[in-house]
Every structure is written in C-alpha cells, then in structure tokens.
Amino acid sequence: MQLAYDAENGEQVPYDLVDAGPADGKHQPLWCYRTLTGEFIRQRLGALGMLPSYLPAALAIEKMEGLNEWLLARGEQHVPNTVRDRADATLRVFLAEVLGEDSNFEFDESRFQSAWNALEAILIEGHSLTLLAAPIHGIEIESLEIRLDNNMMLVSAESIEAEALPGDIFRADSLGLPVVAVVIEAEDNSPEGLEQARIRLRKLLCALRLFGSASPALGGAARLQVERGPWQVMGLEGSGSARGVLAIETRQEHELESFCRLVANRWPRGGEIAWALRRHEFGCDRMHYLDGLSDHLLALRALLEPEGPMSGHLTDRLAALCAEPNDRARLAERAARAAGLERTIVAGLANRETQAEQLCIEMEMHLRALLKDVICQHLDSDLVTLADMILAQSAGIEQPVKKRRLGFGDGADPLAA
C-alpha cells in the first residue's frame, strides 16, 4: 500500500526495454517494457523502514542463518557485511520477488507463497533446488523432451518444460541450426556442486558427438537457477560452432539414453584414451574443420603412434583398424595427405576448399569411431597392439599377443583438470 501510494503521488517507477521477440532469431525482434520493481523498492527502502511492521520483520530475519546463500541465489552481486544491512537486503529482495513486475503493487497470495517456499527451503530446511540449463546447437529431437536420467533432460522450445526456461536460451546461432536445451539438476550450488554439473554437461556433449556424425556445440553461456530464483548467466568453456545436425528420432531415444549412461560410466580416467578423448573435444570445439585437424591428428597419434621403435606407423595402423583389407591402401594414403595438409595449415598456406574440408572430416570420423568402440568395449584399448596384430596377420606373420597398455588409468578425471 505504501509503494502504491508513492507511485500514485508522483514517484516514478523505473522501466527497462527488453527483447520480447521470437526465440528463433529469424524475425525482427519485438520490444516491451519491464517494470523494475526491485529498483523502485530500493529507492523507497527508507519509507518502508518507517512502517510499524518493518522493524519486527528485520529483527526476526537477523536471527536466521543462510541469508548469504539466499541473496546470492537471488542474483545479488554483493552481500552486506553487517547483520542489519543483510536483513534489510533480504527484506528488499523478498518484497521484490513477491511483487514481481506488477506496477500496481497488489499483493498476490500465489507469488507470496512461491517466494516464501524458496526462502524457507534455504533458511529453514537447509537445501535448495539448483538447475543448470544450457543451449546445445546442432541437435533436433522429434519428441518434445528426452529424459536421459533422473537429473538430466533435453528440452525443445515447444516443450512445457521450456516455459520455465529463459526464452533466449533457444535463440539460433548465426548458422540457423536447431537448438535444444539441456537441463541438469545439480547436487547443490556450491562451487564443487556446480563444477560437477559442468563436468556432466561436457560428458553429455561428448556422448552426443560420439553418438552420430554431426558435431553439436554448446552455446556461449548457461543459465543457473537456485530455488526458483532468477536465472543467472554462467560462462561455459569450449563453446564453439556446431557442424551439421544430429537428429534424434523417437525410436532412437532409448539407444541415446543407454549410450549416454555408458559413456559416463566408462569414462577413462587416465592414459592415452582419456587424453585423446579430450583432444577430440578440443578439435570439435574449433570454429572450422581445418582448425580442428591438428587436434584430431594429435589424438590419433596418441592412440596409434607411441614413442620409440613402435612409432612411424600411424597411417598403416589407422587403415588396419578403420578399413576393409581391400581399402586399407586408400585410407593410409588419405591419412598421409591429412598429415601433409596439417603442415600446410601451420604454414598458413591452406585454402578452405571442399577437398581439404572433406579430408579433415574423414580424420575426425575415424578418430570418433575408434574412441566410441573403445569406450563401448568393442575394441581393446590397446589399439597399437591390436592394429599390429591385424597387419601381421594380413602379411601372414604370426605375432604373439602382448598387451602394451590399457589406456584406462587411475588418474584424475581429465574434464575436472
């Protein structure tokens, strides 16, 4: 009532101009005015502090723990140091959340209950629901949503779940490729909990790239929401440009769910496989195929060309593992051409023509096939020994089975490094 009285008697309620246009980016944006209720409350906090009910509310808030976490979850950049200032900030933010963008400042029971439940969850119950949402470009799903596990799902812009997400998360990139959002329920909003959510996001992206022939990419920023508070922007590493479109049909959903679980459970924790997998991700994050060729060749060298007397046979080993006997010579020649193209790229002499791009795509696809088969245990992780055995058998030479290395070590998760 005090705020409404002030507005009716000449106090200006600030507004902001926001984009309310379609999320696909194909049309001219529409604009609308958004009431900055929180800013108006901040300006009138002195008048609110004179109300009879304000002091008892502030004294009650001062006795509660967890105010810092709740204020940060609401998007406050700075939490006051003193107890009284922190209580003032809590009441100000809480009131702004209850009133929403209503310039008439009318009390709404449902908004109050929603704001109170969020406050109670953190201050009294000691837990909060933390959601991490991120755009993935280059994916098209036939269903409205795909639940990958209990805490992670893919959501299309037409899904009911999308209504609770920021609208601009589905905005298409410059290439106009389709976009879906991945929503992850984090364990908590602590730095450790958010880091685990980021790792799950990167593993999901890797699984999607291994699942098909396209190369989806993360958008530039994710959104973080704590206990139904405002969505906050959070930067993402490795956001690049998607190449191609990964179309997930309804009949493929169960296969995708199983594959994503398999990749997460079989994620290598050390050795050449883990390093090559990470280098594969670096290459996919590049803006162009030519830019990622060195990353993918480095990954293939880690898998197939060890140091010492066993080096120098990358092309033959790749051909043995990825081609039929009558096509191995052609693949070995293509791999040698790719190595020559890499030197040309380093020298700055390569042209981004179709033939060079196709060569880069071939090397990426062969690397992807090897990594996928190793993670799925269709191939032994000691690819060097396996390839040498195939080559020896083709030449009619008997070679004893001798494992060189496993490739799955006990080191730290490379995505957490």
Protein backbone atom coordinates (compact mmCIF):
# COMPACT_ATOMS: atom_id res chain seq x y z
CA MET A 1 0.00 0.00 0.00
CA GLN A 2 2.86 2.37 0.79
CA LEU A 3 4.53 1.70 -2.58
CA ALA A 4 1.26 2.09 -4.48
CA TYR A 5 0.60 5.39 -2.66
CA ASP A 6 4.06 6.69 -3.59
CA ALA A 7 3.60 5.73 -7.25
CA GLU A 8 0.18 7.42 -7.42
CA ASN A 9 1.65 10.60 -5.96
CA GLY A 10 4.36 11.19 -8.49
CA GLU A 11 7.19 8.80 -7.66
CA GLN A 12 8.41 7.38 -10.98
CA VAL A 13 8.57 3.59 -11.28
CA PRO A 14 11.61 2.78 -13.48
CA TYR A 15 11.21 0.61 -16.58
CA ASP A 16 13.53 -1.31 -18.85
CA LEU A 17 13.19 -2.12 -22.56
CA VAL A 18 13.62 -5.84 -23.22
CA ASP A 19 13.53 -8.08 -26.27
CA ALA A 20 10.25 -10.00 -26.40
CA GLY A 21 10.62 -11.28 -29.95
CA PRO A 22 10.65 -14.87 -31.19
CA ALA A 23 13.48 -17.07 -29.95
CA ASP A 24 14.42 -18.41 -33.39
CA GLY A 25 16.11 -15.18 -34.46
CA LYS A 26 14.52 -15.28 -37.93
CA HIS A 27 12.35 -12.19 -37.45
CA GLN A 28 12.83 -8.63 -36.31
CA PRO A 29 12.73 -8.54 -32.51
CA LEU A 30 9.74 -7.17 -30.64
CA TRP A 31 10.27 -4.97 -27.61
CA CYS A 32 8.30 -4.46 -24.44
CA TYR A 33 8.64 -2.51 -21.20
CA ARG A 34 9.52 -4.35 -18.00
CA THR A 35 8.78 -2.80 -14.63
CA LEU A 36 11.88 -2.56 -12.43
CA THR A 37 10.01 -3.20 -9.21
CA GLY A 38 13.15 -4.12 -7.31
CA GLU A 39 14.84 -0.83 -8.18
CA PHE A 40 11.77 1.14 -7.06
CA ILE A 41 11.75 -0.73 -3.75
CA ARG A 42 15.46 0.02 -3.30
CA GLN A 43 14.75 3.73 -3.80
CA ARG A 44 11.85 3.66 -1.28
CA LEU A 45 13.53 1.48 1.37
CA GLY A 46 13.75 4.44 3.76
CA ALA A 47 9.99 4.95 3.62
CA LEU A 48 9.36 1.23 4.05
CA GLY A 49 11.65 1.19 7.09
CA MET A 50 9.29 3.58 8.85
CA LEU A 51 6.36 1.14 8.66
CA PRO A 52 5.40 -0.38 12.09
CA SER A 53 5.83 -3.93 10.79
CA TYR A 54 9.29 -3.40 9.29
CA LEU A 55 11.42 -3.48 12.46
CA PRO A 56 9.92 -6.74 13.85
CA ALA A 57 10.44 -8.38 10.47
CA ALA A 58 14.07 -7.20 10.28
CA LEU A 59 14.80 -8.38 13.85
CA ALA A 60 13.34 -11.82 13.04
CA ILE A 61 15.44 -12.07 9.86
CA GLU A 62 18.63 -11.12 11.73
CA LYS A 63 18.40 -14.32 13.80
CA MET A 64 18.32 -16.61 10.75
CA GLU A 65 21.31 -18.29 9.10
CA GLY A 66 21.80 -18.80 5.40
CA LEU A 67 20.97 -15.26 4.29
CA ASN A 68 24.18 -15.00 2.26
CA GLU A 69 23.32 -18.09 0.22
CA TRP A 70 19.75 -16.94 -0.37
CA LEU A 71 20.80 -13.45 -1.51
CA LEU A 72 23.39 -14.84 -3.90
CA ALA A 73 20.81 -17.27 -5.27
CA ARG A 74 18.57 -14.28 -5.99
CA GLY A 75 21.26 -12.63 -8.12
CA GLU A 76 22.64 -10.15 -5.57
CA GLN A 77 26.22 -9.31 -6.50
CA HIS A 78 27.28 -8.05 -3.06
CA VAL A 79 26.09 -9.33 0.31
CA PRO A 80 26.29 -6.74 3.14
CA ASN A 81 28.68 -7.49 5.98
CA THR A 82 26.61 -6.24 8.93
CA VAL A 83 23.67 -8.23 10.29
CA ARG A 84 21.20 -5.34 9.99
CA ASP A 85 22.19 -4.43 6.43
CA ARG A 86 21.91 -8.08 5.46
CA ALA A 87 18.41 -8.23 6.92
CA ASP A 88 17.44 -5.05 5.03
CA ALA A 89 18.72 -6.56 1.79
CA THR A 90 16.80 -9.79 2.43
CA LEU A 91 13.52 -7.96 3.02
CA ARG A 92 14.07 -5.79 -0.04
CA VAL A 93 14.78 -8.74 -2.34
CA PHE A 94 11.96 -10.81 -0.83
CA LEU A 95 9.45 -7.99 -1.33
CA ALA A 96 10.58 -7.51 -4.94
CA GLU A 97 10.08 -11.22 -5.59
CA VAL A 98 6.60 -11.17 -4.04
CA LEU A 99 5.51 -8.18 -6.12
CA GLY A 100 7.12 -9.38 -9.36
CA GLU A 101 6.68 -6.85 -12.19
CA ASP A 102 3.30 -5.61 -11.01
CA SER A 103 3.41 -1.81 -11.23
CA ASN A 104 0.13 -1.64 -9.26
CA PHE A 105 1.88 -3.25 -6.24
CA GLU A 106 -1.04 -5.54 -5.49
CA PHE A 107 -0.49 -8.44 -3.10
CA ASP A 108 -0.76 -11.87 -4.75
CA GLU A 109 -1.04 -14.89 -2.49
CA SER A 110 0.43 -17.36 -5.01
CA ARG A 111 3.50 -15.18 -5.63
CA PHE A 112 3.98 -14.73 -1.89
CA GLN A 113 3.75 -18.49 -1.29
CA SER A 114 6.26 -19.25 -4.05
CA ALA A 115 8.73 -16.68 -2.70
CA TRP A 116 8.25 -17.90 0.86
CA ASN A 117 8.77 -21.56 -0.08
CA ALA A 118 12.07 -20.66 -1.76
CA LEU A 119 13.21 -18.67 1.27
CA GLU A 120 12.14 -21.41 3.67
CA ALA A 121 13.94 -24.12 1.67
CA ILE A 122 17.31 -22.40 2.13
CA LEU A 123 16.97 -20.71 5.53
CA ILE A 124 14.97 -23.31 7.43
CA GLU A 125 15.28 -26.64 5.63
CA GLY A 126 18.89 -26.03 4.60
CA HIS A 127 18.62 -27.26 0.99
CA SER A 128 17.84 -25.79 -2.40
CA LEU A 129 16.93 -26.93 -5.89
CA THR A 130 19.68 -25.86 -8.30
CA LEU A 131 19.12 -26.08 -12.07
CA LEU A 132 21.73 -25.63 -14.78
CA ALA A 133 20.33 -25.01 -18.27
CA ALA A 134 22.50 -24.69 -21.37
CA PRO A 135 21.77 -24.40 -25.10
CA ILE A 136 23.15 -27.06 -27.44
CA HIS A 137 23.23 -26.06 -31.10
CA GLY A 138 23.02 -28.61 -33.89
CA ILE A 139 20.52 -31.02 -32.30
CA GLU A 140 16.97 -31.73 -33.42
CA ILE A 141 14.72 -34.01 -31.34
CA GLU A 142 11.46 -35.48 -32.59
CA SER A 143 9.92 -35.64 -29.11
CA LEU A 144 9.28 -32.51 -27.11
CA GLU A 145 11.75 -33.68 -24.47
CA ILE A 146 14.09 -36.59 -23.76
CA ARG A 147 14.89 -37.58 -20.19
CA LEU A 148 18.41 -39.00 -20.11
CA ASP A 149 18.37 -39.82 -16.39
CA ASN A 150 16.65 -38.68 -13.21
CA ASN A 151 18.57 -35.39 -13.13
CA MET A 152 19.16 -34.52 -16.79
CA MET A 153 16.95 -33.99 -19.82
CA LEU A 154 16.93 -32.49 -23.31
CA VAL A 155 14.15 -29.96 -23.88
CA SER A 156 12.83 -28.49 -27.12
CA ALA A 157 11.44 -24.98 -27.40
CA GLU A 158 7.90 -26.36 -27.80
CA SER A 159 8.02 -28.41 -24.59
CA ILE A 160 6.03 -27.46 -21.49
CA GLU A 161 9.33 -27.59 -19.57
CA ALA A 162 10.66 -24.81 -21.82
CA GLU A 163 8.14 -22.35 -20.39
CA ALA A 164 10.16 -22.17 -17.16
CA LEU A 165 13.44 -21.53 -19.01
CA PRO A 166 14.79 -18.20 -20.27
CA GLY A 167 13.39 -17.61 -23.75
CA ASP A 168 16.70 -16.58 -25.28
CA ILE A 169 18.26 -19.94 -24.48
CA PHE A 170 16.62 -21.28 -27.64
CA ARG A 171 17.87 -18.48 -29.88
CA ALA A 172 19.51 -19.88 -33.02
CA ASP A 173 23.13 -19.11 -33.84
CA SER A 174 24.37 -17.38 -36.99
CA LEU A 175 24.08 -20.63 -38.97
CA GLY A 176 20.43 -21.07 -38.06
CA LEU A 177 20.91 -24.63 -36.77
CA PRO A 178 18.27 -26.11 -34.46
CA VAL A 179 18.71 -25.67 -30.71
CA VAL A 180 17.68 -27.70 -27.69
CA ALA A 181 18.32 -27.00 -24.02
CA VAL A 182 19.84 -29.46 -21.60
CA VAL A 183 18.60 -29.07 -18.03
CA ILE A 184 20.67 -30.58 -15.23
CA GLU A 185 19.61 -30.70 -11.59
CA ALA A 186 22.82 -30.00 -9.68
CA GLU A 187 23.54 -31.55 -6.29
CA ASP A 188 23.99 -28.11 -4.76
CA ASN A 189 25.01 -24.58 -5.70
CA SER A 190 28.42 -24.77 -4.05
CA PRO A 191 31.49 -24.38 -6.29
CA GLU A 192 32.06 -28.14 -6.07
CA GLY A 193 28.44 -28.94 -6.98
CA LEU A 194 28.47 -26.55 -9.94
CA GLU A 195 31.78 -27.96 -11.16
CA GLN A 196 30.28 -31.46 -11.14
CA ALA A 197 27.31 -30.16 -13.14
CA ARG A 198 29.71 -28.62 -15.67
CA ILE A 199 31.56 -31.93 -15.99
CA ARG A 200 28.27 -33.75 -16.60
CA LEU A 201 27.44 -31.21 -19.29
CA ARG A 202 30.77 -31.75 -21.07
CA LYS A 203 30.41 -35.53 -20.87
CA LEU A 204 26.93 -35.28 -22.36
CA LEU A 205 28.22 -33.15 -25.23
CA CYS A 206 30.99 -35.67 -25.86
CA ALA A 207 28.47 -38.53 -25.88
CA LEU A 208 26.25 -36.68 -28.37
CA ARG A 209 29.23 -36.16 -30.67
CA LEU A 210 30.21 -39.82 -30.47
CA PHE A 211 26.61 -40.94 -30.99
CA GLY A 212 26.28 -39.58 -34.53
CA SER A 213 28.25 -37.99 -37.32
CA ALA A 214 27.35 -34.37 -36.52
CA SER A 215 29.24 -32.18 -34.08
CA PRO A 216 26.87 -30.28 -31.75
CA ALA A 217 28.23 -27.34 -29.77
CA LEU A 218 27.39 -25.57 -26.55
CA GLY A 219 26.10 -22.03 -26.61
CA GLY A 220 28.24 -19.30 -25.17
CA ALA A 221 26.59 -19.21 -21.74
CA ALA A 222 24.50 -21.39 -19.46
CA ARG A 223 21.82 -20.25 -17.02
CA LEU A 224 21.79 -21.07 -13.31
CA GLN A 225 18.70 -21.02 -11.08
CA VAL A 226 18.69 -21.65 -7.35
CA GLU A 227 15.38 -22.50 -5.64
CA ARG A 228 13.17 -20.95 -8.35
CA GLY A 229 15.05 -17.65 -8.17
CA PRO A 230 16.03 -15.51 -11.16
CA TRP A 231 18.11 -17.13 -13.88
CA GLN A 232 21.74 -16.06 -13.71
CA VAL A 233 24.22 -16.19 -16.59
CA MET A 234 27.16 -18.58 -16.20
CA GLY A 235 30.00 -18.86 -18.70
CA LEU A 236 30.83 -22.15 -20.40
CA GLU A 237 34.17 -23.39 -21.65
CA GLY A 238 34.51 -24.93 -25.08
CA SER A 239 31.56 -23.24 -26.74
CA GLY A 240 32.21 -23.38 -30.47
CA SER A 241 30.32 -23.61 -33.73
CA ALA A 242 28.10 -26.62 -34.41
CA ARG A 243 28.75 -28.56 -37.61
CA GLY A 244 25.85 -30.49 -39.05
CA VAL A 245 22.62 -31.54 -37.36
CA LEU A 246 22.20 -34.53 -35.05
CA ALA A 247 18.57 -35.63 -35.49
CA ILE A 248 17.23 -37.83 -32.67
CA GLU A 249 14.10 -39.72 -33.66
CA THR A 250 11.69 -41.14 -31.12
CA ARG A 251 12.83 -44.70 -31.83
CA GLN A 252 16.43 -43.71 -31.01
CA GLU A 253 15.74 -42.21 -27.60
CA HIS A 254 16.30 -45.40 -25.60
CA GLU A 255 19.53 -46.04 -27.50
CA LEU A 256 20.71 -42.50 -26.78
CA GLU A 257 19.86 -42.79 -23.06
CA SER A 258 21.78 -46.07 -22.80
CA PHE A 259 24.74 -44.70 -24.73
CA CYS A 260 25.00 -41.56 -22.56
CA ARG A 261 24.98 -43.73 -19.41
CA LEU A 262 27.62 -46.00 -20.93
CA VAL A 263 29.90 -43.08 -21.78
CA ALA A 264 29.52 -41.64 -18.26
CA ASN A 265 30.20 -45.00 -16.60
CA ARG A 266 33.07 -45.96 -18.90
CA TRP A 267 34.71 -42.54 -18.95
CA PRO A 268 38.51 -43.11 -19.00
CA ARG A 269 40.28 -41.58 -16.02
CA GLY A 270 43.81 -41.58 -17.37
CA GLY A 271 46.15 -42.79 -20.09
CA GLU A 272 46.14 -42.24 -23.83
CA ILE A 273 42.41 -42.86 -24.26
CA ALA A 274 41.49 -40.08 -21.85
CA TRP A 275 43.97 -37.67 -23.45
CA ALA A 276 42.78 -38.49 -26.97
CA LEU A 277 39.15 -38.06 -25.94
CA ARG A 278 39.88 -34.62 -24.55
CA ARG A 279 41.85 -33.67 -27.66
CA HIS A 280 38.91 -34.85 -29.79
CA GLU A 281 36.70 -32.42 -27.86
CA PHE A 282 39.17 -29.59 -28.46
CA GLY A 283 39.02 -30.26 -32.19
CA CYS A 284 35.21 -30.34 -32.25
CA ASP A 285 35.12 -27.00 -30.41
CA ARG A 286 37.07 -25.27 -33.19
CA MET A 287 35.18 -22.94 -35.49
CA HIS A 288 36.19 -24.79 -38.69
CA TYR A 289 37.21 -28.30 -39.70
CA LEU A 290 40.69 -27.18 -40.73
CA ASP A 291 41.24 -25.59 -37.32
CA GLY A 292 40.50 -28.92 -35.61
CA LEU A 293 42.68 -31.12 -37.84
CA SER A 294 45.78 -30.80 -35.64
CA ASP A 295 43.78 -31.74 -32.53
CA HIS A 296 42.37 -34.85 -34.18
CA LEU A 297 45.72 -35.92 -35.63
CA LEU A 298 47.33 -35.48 -32.21
CA ALA A 299 44.63 -37.70 -30.73
CA LEU A 300 45.25 -40.36 -33.40
CA ARG A 301 49.00 -40.20 -32.74
CA ALA A 302 48.39 -40.69 -29.02
CA LEU A 303 46.31 -43.79 -29.79
CA LEU A 304 48.31 -45.32 -32.63
CA GLU A 305 51.86 -43.93 -32.66
CA PRO A 306 53.80 -44.39 -29.40
CA GLU A 307 57.28 -43.02 -28.94
CA GLY A 308 60.30 -45.20 -29.67
CA PRO A 309 60.72 -48.10 -32.09
CA MET A 310 56.95 -48.54 -32.49
CA SER A 311 56.48 -45.06 -33.96
CA GLY A 312 56.12 -44.15 -37.63
CA HIS A 313 53.20 -46.45 -38.48
CA LEU A 314 50.20 -44.21 -37.85
CA THR A 315 48.76 -44.42 -41.35
CA ASP A 316 49.04 -48.20 -41.59
CA ARG A 317 47.57 -48.78 -38.13
CA LEU A 318 44.67 -46.43 -38.79
CA ALA A 319 43.95 -48.24 -42.06
CA ALA A 320 44.12 -51.64 -40.34
CA LEU A 321 41.54 -50.65 -37.74
CA CYS A 322 39.18 -48.50 -39.83
CA ALA A 323 39.13 -50.04 -43.32
CA GLU A 324 38.45 -53.33 -45.02
CA PRO A 325 41.54 -55.11 -46.40
CA ASN A 326 40.95 -54.00 -49.99
CA ASP A 327 40.51 -50.35 -48.90
CA ARG A 328 43.44 -50.02 -46.49
CA ALA A 329 45.88 -48.62 -49.02
CA ARG A 330 43.46 -45.82 -49.90
CA LEU A 331 42.86 -44.90 -46.23
CA ALA A 332 46.59 -44.96 -45.47
CA GLU A 333 47.15 -42.59 -48.39
CA ARG A 334 44.35 -40.29 -47.14
CA ALA A 335 45.88 -40.22 -43.65
CA ALA A 336 49.27 -39.30 -45.12
CA ARG A 337 47.62 -36.49 -47.11
CA ALA A 338 45.98 -35.25 -43.91
CA ALA A 339 49.39 -35.03 -42.25
CA GLY A 340 50.65 -33.03 -45.22
CA LEU A 341 47.60 -30.78 -45.05
CA GLU A 342 48.35 -30.11 -41.39
CA ARG A 343 51.80 -28.81 -42.28
CA THR A 344 50.23 -26.59 -44.93
CA ILE A 345 47.75 -25.23 -42.38
CA VAL A 346 50.56 -24.46 -39.92
CA ALA A 347 52.39 -22.56 -42.64
CA GLY A 348 49.25 -20.57 -43.39
CA LEU A 349 49.06 -21.80 -46.99
CA ALA A 350 45.94 -23.99 -46.83
CA ASN A 351 42.80 -22.99 -48.69
CA ARG A 352 39.47 -23.81 -47.10
CA GLU A 353 38.26 -25.72 -50.11
CA THR A 354 35.86 -28.65 -50.22
CA GLN A 355 38.54 -31.32 -50.73
CA ALA A 356 40.61 -30.17 -47.74
CA GLU A 357 37.49 -29.94 -45.58
CA GLN A 358 36.44 -33.46 -46.58
CA LEU A 359 39.86 -34.80 -45.60
CA CYS A 360 39.52 -33.20 -42.16
CA ILE A 361 36.04 -34.68 -41.76
CA GLU A 362 37.35 -38.16 -42.60
CA MET A 363 40.08 -38.00 -39.93
CA GLU A 364 37.55 -36.76 -37.36
CA MET A 365 35.14 -39.58 -38.21
CA HIS A 366 37.84 -42.27 -37.93
CA LEU A 367 39.01 -40.90 -34.59
CA ARG A 368 35.43 -40.76 -33.37
CA ALA A 369 34.82 -44.37 -34.43
CA LEU A 370 37.91 -45.60 -32.56
CA LEU A 371 37.03 -43.72 -29.36
CA LYS A 372 33.43 -44.91 -29.47
CA ASP A 373 34.42 -48.55 -29.99
CA VAL A 374 36.98 -48.45 -27.18
CA ILE A 375 34.54 -46.85 -24.72
CA CYS A 376 31.84 -49.38 -25.71
CA GLN A 377 34.47 -52.16 -25.40
CA HIS A 378 34.00 -53.23 -29.00
CA LEU A 379 37.77 -52.75 -29.36
CA ASP A 380 40.56 -53.35 -26.89
CA SER A 381 42.00 -50.14 -25.51
CA ASP A 382 45.50 -51.20 -26.62
CA LEU A 383 44.91 -50.12 -30.20
CA VAL A 384 48.59 -50.26 -31.19
CA THR A 385 48.93 -53.96 -30.38
CA LEU A 386 45.57 -54.71 -31.98
CA ALA A 387 46.47 -52.89 -35.21
CA ASP A 388 49.91 -54.54 -35.38
CA MET A 389 48.29 -57.97 -34.99
CA ILE A 390 45.91 -57.22 -37.87
CA LEU A 391 48.78 -56.04 -40.07
CA ALA A 392 50.87 -59.10 -39.17
CA GLN A 393 48.01 -61.46 -39.97
CA SER A 394 47.48 -59.75 -43.32
CA ALA A 395 51.15 -60.30 -44.10
CA GLY A 396 50.98 -63.93 -42.96
CA ILE A 397 53.25 -63.32 -39.97
CA GLU A 398 52.49 -64.94 -36.64
CA GLN A 399 52.80 -62.42 -33.82
CA PRO A 400 52.46 -63.27 -30.10
CA VAL A 401 49.77 -61.44 -28.20
CA LYS A 402 51.44 -58.84 -26.00
CA LYS A 403 49.49 -56.06 -24.38
CA ARG A 404 51.27 -52.73 -24.32
CA ARG A 405 48.96 -50.64 -22.13
CA LEU A 406 45.33 -50.40 -21.09
CA GLY A 407 44.67 -46.70 -21.61
CA PHE A 408 42.27 -46.56 -18.66
CA GLY A 409 44.30 -45.39 -15.66
CA ASP A 410 43.54 -44.35 -12.10
CA GLY A 411 44.38 -40.67 -12.55
CA ALA A 412 42.03 -37.76 -12.01
CA ASP A 413 39.15 -37.13 -14.38
CA PRO A 414 40.64 -35.09 -17.27
CA LEU A 415 37.48 -32.98 -17.51
CA ALA A 416 37.95 -31.93 -13.90
CA ALA A 417 41.55 -30.85 -14.51
